[in-house]
Amino acid sequence: MNTKIEALTIDQLKNELKRLKENLSDIEEMHTFTFGKTTAHIGAEQAQNMQLEFEEECRVYGEQIAAVERLLKEKGA
């Protein structure tokens, strides 16, 4: 686990958790807008690449959120 995150205080961890969740929400909203609310036409290959990038970003944020939540739990918050 990242020693930088492990060194954070409970308040700092809570702020980091909030930031990560907001960032995840932002990319989810952007993805929904891009694929659901625009009339832009993109090629299938580009759309597939964008989907893969989106899934990877969501996975990374999910792992980071889980790590922070685990640390908060360990610290009794």
C-alpha atoms as a PDB file:
ATOM      1  CA  MET A   1       0.000   0.000   0.000  1.00  0.00           C
ATOM      2  CA  ASN A   2       1.103   3.517  -0.682  1.00  0.00           C
ATOM      3  CA  THR A   3       3.063   4.795   2.331  1.00  0.00           C
ATOM      4  CA  LYS A   4       2.066   8.354   1.466  1.00  0.00           C
ATOM      5  CA  ILE A   5      -1.592   7.544   2.080  1.00  0.00           C
ATOM      6  CA  GLU A   6      -0.792   5.525   5.186  1.00  0.00           C
ATOM      7  CA  ALA A   7       0.856   8.589   6.739  1.00  0.00           C
ATOM      8  CA  LEU A   8      -2.265  10.763   6.393  1.00  0.00           C
ATOM      9  CA  THR A   9      -4.360  11.726   9.381  1.00  0.00           C
ATOM     10  CA  ILE A  10      -8.009  10.704   9.668  1.00  0.00           C
ATOM     11  CA  ASP A  11      -9.165  14.152   8.521  1.00  0.00           C
ATOM     12  CA  GLN A  12      -6.772  14.073   5.588  1.00  0.00           C
ATOM     13  CA  LEU A  13      -7.991  10.585   4.662  1.00  0.00           C
ATOM     14  CA  LYS A  14     -11.597  11.780   4.767  1.00  0.00           C
ATOM     15  CA  ASN A  15     -10.715  14.695   2.494  1.00  0.00           C
ATOM     16  CA  GLU A  16      -8.846  12.366   0.128  1.00  0.00           C
ATOM     17  CA  LEU A  17     -11.823  10.005   0.052  1.00  0.00           C
ATOM     18  CA  LYS A  18     -14.147  12.892  -0.776  1.00  0.00           C
ATOM     19  CA  ARG A  19     -11.802  14.074  -3.549  1.00  0.00           C
ATOM     20  CA  LEU A  20     -11.524  10.604  -5.062  1.00  0.00           C
ATOM     21  CA  LYS A  21     -15.291  10.081  -5.028  1.00  0.00           C
ATOM     22  CA  GLU A  22     -15.853  13.495  -6.640  1.00  0.00           C
ATOM     23  CA  ASN A  23     -13.284  12.728  -9.342  1.00  0.00           C
ATOM     24  CA  LEU A  24     -14.916   9.364 -10.026  1.00  0.00           C
ATOM     25  CA  SER A  25     -18.312  11.028 -10.241  1.00  0.00           C
ATOM     26  CA  ASP A  26     -16.923  13.627 -12.645  1.00  0.00           C
ATOM     27  CA  ILE A  27     -15.520  11.058 -15.064  1.00  0.00           C
ATOM     28  CA  GLU A  28     -18.757   9.059 -14.872  1.00  0.00           C
ATOM     29  CA  GLU A  29     -20.773  12.175 -15.729  1.00  0.00           C
ATOM     30  CA  MET A  30     -18.410  13.062 -18.561  1.00  0.00           C
ATOM     31  CA  HIS A  31     -18.658   9.532 -19.932  1.00  0.00           C
ATOM     32  CA  THR A  32     -22.452   9.557 -19.748  1.00  0.00           C
ATOM     33  CA  PHE A  33     -22.577  12.924 -21.492  1.00  0.00           C
ATOM     34  CA  THR A  34     -20.135  11.842 -24.188  1.00  0.00           C
ATOM     35  CA  PHE A  35     -21.939   8.625 -25.009  1.00  0.00           C
ATOM     36  CA  GLY A  36     -25.509   9.464 -24.131  1.00  0.00           C
ATOM     37  CA  LYS A  37     -26.244  13.120 -24.653  1.00  0.00           C
ATOM     38  CA  THR A  38     -24.153  14.244 -27.573  1.00  0.00           C
ATOM     39  CA  THR A  39     -24.775  13.873 -31.239  1.00  0.00           C
ATOM     40  CA  ALA A  40     -21.083  13.669 -32.005  1.00  0.00           C
ATOM     41  CA  HIS A  41     -20.182  10.858 -34.293  1.00  0.00           C
ATOM     42  CA  ILE A  42     -17.069   8.941 -33.498  1.00  0.00           C
ATOM     43  CA  GLY A  43     -15.733   5.806 -35.039  1.00  0.00           C
ATOM     44  CA  ALA A  44     -16.253   2.422 -33.419  1.00  0.00           C
ATOM     45  CA  GLU A  45     -12.557   1.991 -32.672  1.00  0.00           C
ATOM     46  CA  GLN A  46     -12.320   5.381 -30.976  1.00  0.00           C
ATOM     47  CA  ALA A  47     -15.484   4.656 -28.992  1.00  0.00           C
ATOM     48  CA  GLN A  48     -14.078   1.327 -27.872  1.00  0.00           C
ATOM     49  CA  ASN A  49     -10.798   2.949 -26.820  1.00  0.00           C
ATOM     50  CA  MET A  50     -12.678   5.618 -24.896  1.00  0.00           C
ATOM     51  CA  GLN A  51     -14.726   2.937 -23.140  1.00  0.00           C
ATOM     52  CA  LEU A  52     -11.593   1.016 -22.176  1.00  0.00           C
ATOM     53  CA  GLU A  53      -9.950   4.174 -20.834  1.00  0.00           C
ATOM     54  CA  PHE A  54     -13.099   4.986 -18.864  1.00  0.00           C
ATOM     55  CA  GLU A  55     -13.224   1.499 -17.353  1.00  0.00           C
ATOM     56  CA  GLU A  56      -9.549   1.676 -16.400  1.00  0.00           C
ATOM     57  CA  GLU A  57      -9.962   5.094 -14.759  1.00  0.00           C
ATOM     58  CA  CYS A  58     -12.975   3.840 -12.821  1.00  0.00           C
ATOM     59  CA  ARG A  59     -11.049   0.751 -11.709  1.00  0.00           C
ATOM     60  CA  VAL A  60      -8.105   2.851 -10.480  1.00  0.00           C
ATOM     61  CA  TYR A  61     -10.372   5.258  -8.600  1.00  0.00           C
ATOM     62  CA  GLY A  62     -12.273   2.310  -7.134  1.00  0.00           C
ATOM     63  CA  GLU A  63      -9.053   0.753  -5.851  1.00  0.00           C
ATOM     64  CA  GLN A  64      -7.887   4.056  -4.372  1.00  0.00           C
ATOM     65  CA  ILE A  65     -11.259   4.618  -2.695  1.00  0.00           C
ATOM     66  CA  ALA A  66     -11.180   1.097  -1.240  1.00  0.00           C
ATOM     67  CA  ALA A  67      -7.642   1.654   0.080  1.00  0.00           C
ATOM     68  CA  VAL A  68      -8.597   4.918   1.790  1.00  0.00           C
ATOM     69  CA  GLU A  69     -11.757   3.392   3.253  1.00  0.00           C
ATOM     70  CA  ARG A  70      -9.727   0.441   4.544  1.00  0.00           C
ATOM     71  CA  LEU A  71      -7.232   2.823   6.201  1.00  0.00           C
ATOM     72  CA  LEU A  72     -10.043   4.847   7.752  1.00  0.00           C
ATOM     73  CA  LYS A  73     -11.510   1.651   9.161  1.00  0.00           C
ATOM     74  CA  GLU A  74      -8.129   0.573  10.525  1.00  0.00           C
ATOM     75  CA  LYS A  75      -7.695   3.956  12.192  1.00  0.00           C
ATOM     76  CA  GLY A  76     -11.122   3.688  13.778  1.00  0.00           C
ATOM     77  CA  ALA A  77     -12.835   6.426  11.792  1.00  0.00           C
END
